[in-house]
Amino acid sequence: MSGTGKSSVLAELARRGHRVVDTDYGDWIEEVSESGGTERLWREKAVEALLDDHAGGGTLFVAGCVANQGTFYPRFDAVVLLSAPADVILERVATRETNRFGRAERERATILRDLDEVEPLLRADATAELDTRASLDEVADALERIAATSRRR
């Protein structure tokens, strides 16, 4: 979900030596035309190759929010929903320097709609949820603990 802090926590995890992929950037996503608009989807072959290449090679953190991400859930050790209240998210997107999405009223309306409609679906499939009002270090520590515990299963 936009504004939950996933880019910040990925940067912190990378700083700690983990491999991270933010699928919002690079060639991971394609826009697919559907009736009434377009849908953002992961390029499945690219994500499959990423996961195949990384199999057994330490911890890989992948972030993104697209309609077909559930296809890959069986290949992930954990699926973590990063969440924050709407007012916190709207404040973050209004002031962040790294991404302009969320500054326009139309985009803010999209964020609120996604919180109402998409976040409950993500929550239902998540194996854990982290409230990103916690400090960046606390969120990164929690993700490392989840990854360590998931690898032991």
Protein backbone atom coordinates (compact mmCIF):
# COMPACT_ATOMS: atom_id res chain seq x y z
CA MET A 1 0.00 0.00 0.00
CA SER A 2 1.31 3.42 -0.92
CA GLY A 3 2.75 5.41 1.96
CA THR A 4 3.19 2.55 4.41
CA GLY A 5 6.97 2.87 4.44
CA LYS A 6 7.95 -0.08 2.29
CA SER A 7 10.59 1.85 0.32
CA SER A 8 12.13 3.15 3.55
CA VAL A 9 12.24 -0.26 5.19
CA LEU A 10 13.64 -1.87 2.04
CA ALA A 11 16.44 0.70 2.03
CA GLU A 12 17.17 -0.11 5.67
CA LEU A 13 17.15 -3.86 4.99
CA ALA A 14 19.53 -3.33 2.04
CA ARG A 15 21.78 -1.24 4.30
CA ARG A 16 21.84 -4.24 6.67
CA GLY A 17 23.07 -6.45 3.84
CA HIS A 18 19.89 -8.12 2.64
CA ARG A 19 18.89 -8.46 -0.97
CA VAL A 20 15.77 -6.36 -1.66
CA VAL A 21 13.56 -5.81 -4.69
CA ASP A 22 10.99 -3.05 -4.88
CA THR A 23 8.82 -4.09 -7.79
CA ASP A 24 7.49 -0.54 -8.13
CA TYR A 25 10.80 0.27 -9.82
CA GLY A 26 12.51 -1.41 -12.75
CA ASP A 27 10.91 -3.73 -15.24
CA TRP A 28 8.87 -5.86 -12.84
CA ILE A 29 5.41 -4.51 -13.69
CA GLU A 30 3.34 -4.32 -16.84
CA GLU A 31 0.13 -2.41 -17.45
CA VAL A 32 -2.53 -4.73 -18.87
CA SER A 33 -5.66 -3.34 -20.52
CA GLU A 34 -8.91 -4.53 -19.03
CA SER A 35 -12.46 -3.42 -19.52
CA GLY A 36 -12.73 -0.05 -17.86
CA GLY A 37 -9.03 0.67 -17.54
CA THR A 38 -5.65 -0.91 -16.91
CA GLU A 39 -4.35 -3.29 -14.28
CA ARG A 40 -0.80 -3.34 -12.91
CA LEU A 41 0.59 -6.88 -12.87
CA TRP A 42 3.94 -8.41 -12.08
CA ARG A 43 5.74 -9.71 -15.16
CA GLU A 44 5.43 -13.31 -14.06
CA LYS A 45 8.44 -14.68 -15.93
CA ALA A 46 10.65 -11.97 -14.42
CA VAL A 47 9.44 -12.67 -10.88
CA GLU A 48 9.77 -16.43 -11.41
CA ALA A 49 13.36 -15.91 -12.57
CA LEU A 50 14.10 -13.73 -9.53
CA LEU A 51 12.78 -16.37 -7.15
CA ASP A 52 14.46 -19.25 -9.02
CA ASP A 53 17.79 -17.41 -9.01
CA HIS A 54 17.54 -16.64 -5.31
CA ALA A 55 16.35 -20.05 -4.08
CA GLY A 56 18.36 -20.93 -0.99
CA GLY A 57 20.58 -17.86 -1.25
CA GLY A 58 19.89 -15.99 1.99
CA THR A 59 17.06 -13.60 2.65
CA LEU A 60 15.30 -11.83 -0.20
CA PHE A 61 12.74 -9.16 0.60
CA VAL A 62 10.29 -8.37 -2.22
CA ALA A 63 7.83 -5.47 -2.03
CA GLY A 64 4.95 -4.49 -4.23
CA CYS A 65 1.21 -4.46 -4.54
CA VAL A 66 -0.28 -5.81 -7.76
CA ALA A 67 -3.30 -7.91 -8.67
CA ASN A 68 -1.38 -11.11 -9.45
CA GLN A 69 1.00 -11.16 -6.49
CA GLY A 70 -0.98 -13.96 -4.84
CA THR A 71 0.20 -16.28 -7.60
CA PHE A 72 3.61 -16.19 -5.93
CA TYR A 73 2.55 -16.51 -2.29
CA PRO A 74 3.29 -20.28 -2.22
CA ARG A 75 6.91 -19.44 -3.12
CA PHE A 76 7.34 -16.86 -0.34
CA ASP A 77 8.34 -17.88 3.18
CA ALA A 78 6.18 -15.08 4.58
CA VAL A 79 3.79 -12.43 3.28
CA VAL A 80 3.87 -9.34 5.48
CA LEU A 81 1.39 -6.49 5.26
CA LEU A 82 2.89 -3.15 6.19
CA SER A 83 0.09 -0.92 7.45
CA ALA A 84 -0.59 2.46 8.97
CA PRO A 85 -3.71 4.54 9.58
CA ALA A 86 -5.03 6.63 6.69
CA ASP A 87 -4.05 9.96 8.25
CA VAL A 88 -0.45 8.78 8.70
CA ILE A 89 -0.28 7.51 5.13
CA LEU A 90 -1.70 10.72 3.68
CA GLU A 91 0.80 12.80 5.68
CA ARG A 92 3.68 10.61 4.46
CA VAL A 93 2.74 10.81 0.79
CA ALA A 94 2.27 14.57 1.05
CA THR A 95 5.78 15.11 2.40
CA ARG A 96 7.96 12.36 0.97
CA GLU A 97 10.80 13.31 -1.34
CA THR A 98 11.27 10.00 -3.16
CA ASN A 99 7.93 9.66 -4.93
CA ARG A 100 5.36 12.25 -5.96
CA PHE A 101 2.42 9.82 -6.01
CA GLY A 102 -0.22 10.93 -3.53
CA ARG A 103 0.19 14.68 -3.88
CA ALA A 104 -2.75 15.12 -6.27
CA GLU A 105 -6.27 14.90 -4.83
CA ARG A 106 -7.19 12.14 -7.31
CA GLU A 107 -4.21 10.07 -6.13
CA ARG A 108 -5.12 10.64 -2.48
CA ALA A 109 -8.63 9.41 -3.24
CA THR A 110 -7.11 6.31 -4.86
CA ILE A 111 -5.02 5.67 -1.74
CA LEU A 112 -8.10 5.92 0.50
CA ARG A 113 -10.11 3.66 -1.81
CA ASP A 114 -7.27 1.10 -1.82
CA LEU A 115 -7.16 1.20 1.98
CA ASP A 116 -10.88 0.40 2.07
CA GLU A 117 -11.02 -2.15 -0.73
CA VAL A 118 -7.57 -3.68 -1.24
CA GLU A 119 -5.96 -3.66 2.19
CA PRO A 120 -8.55 -6.09 3.69
CA LEU A 121 -7.78 -8.56 0.88
CA LEU A 122 -4.06 -8.23 1.55
CA ARG A 123 -4.62 -8.64 5.28
CA ALA A 124 -6.59 -11.85 4.70
CA ASP A 125 -3.66 -13.46 2.88
CA ALA A 126 -0.82 -12.05 4.98
CA THR A 127 1.09 -14.26 7.38
CA ALA A 128 1.97 -11.20 9.49
CA GLU A 129 1.12 -7.52 9.75
CA LEU A 130 3.39 -4.74 10.95
CA ASP A 131 2.23 -1.28 11.97
CA THR A 132 4.74 1.09 10.41
CA ARG A 133 4.11 3.83 12.96
CA ALA A 134 6.87 2.01 14.82
CA SER A 135 10.39 3.26 14.17
CA LEU A 136 12.16 2.22 10.99
CA ASP A 137 14.61 0.14 13.02
CA GLU A 138 11.76 -1.64 14.82
CA VAL A 139 10.00 -2.48 11.54
CA ALA A 140 13.23 -3.74 9.95
CA ASP A 141 14.05 -5.78 13.09
CA ALA A 142 10.57 -7.34 12.98
CA LEU A 143 10.96 -8.24 9.30
CA GLU A 144 14.32 -9.86 10.02
CA ARG A 145 12.74 -11.88 12.85
CA ILE A 146 9.87 -12.99 10.59
CA ALA A 147 12.35 -14.00 7.89
CA ALA A 148 14.53 -15.94 10.35
CA THR A 149 11.54 -17.74 11.83
CA SER A 150 10.07 -18.52 8.40
CA ARG A 151 13.33 -20.05 7.16
CA ARG A 152 13.35 -22.48 10.09
CA ARG A 153 9.97 -23.98 9.14
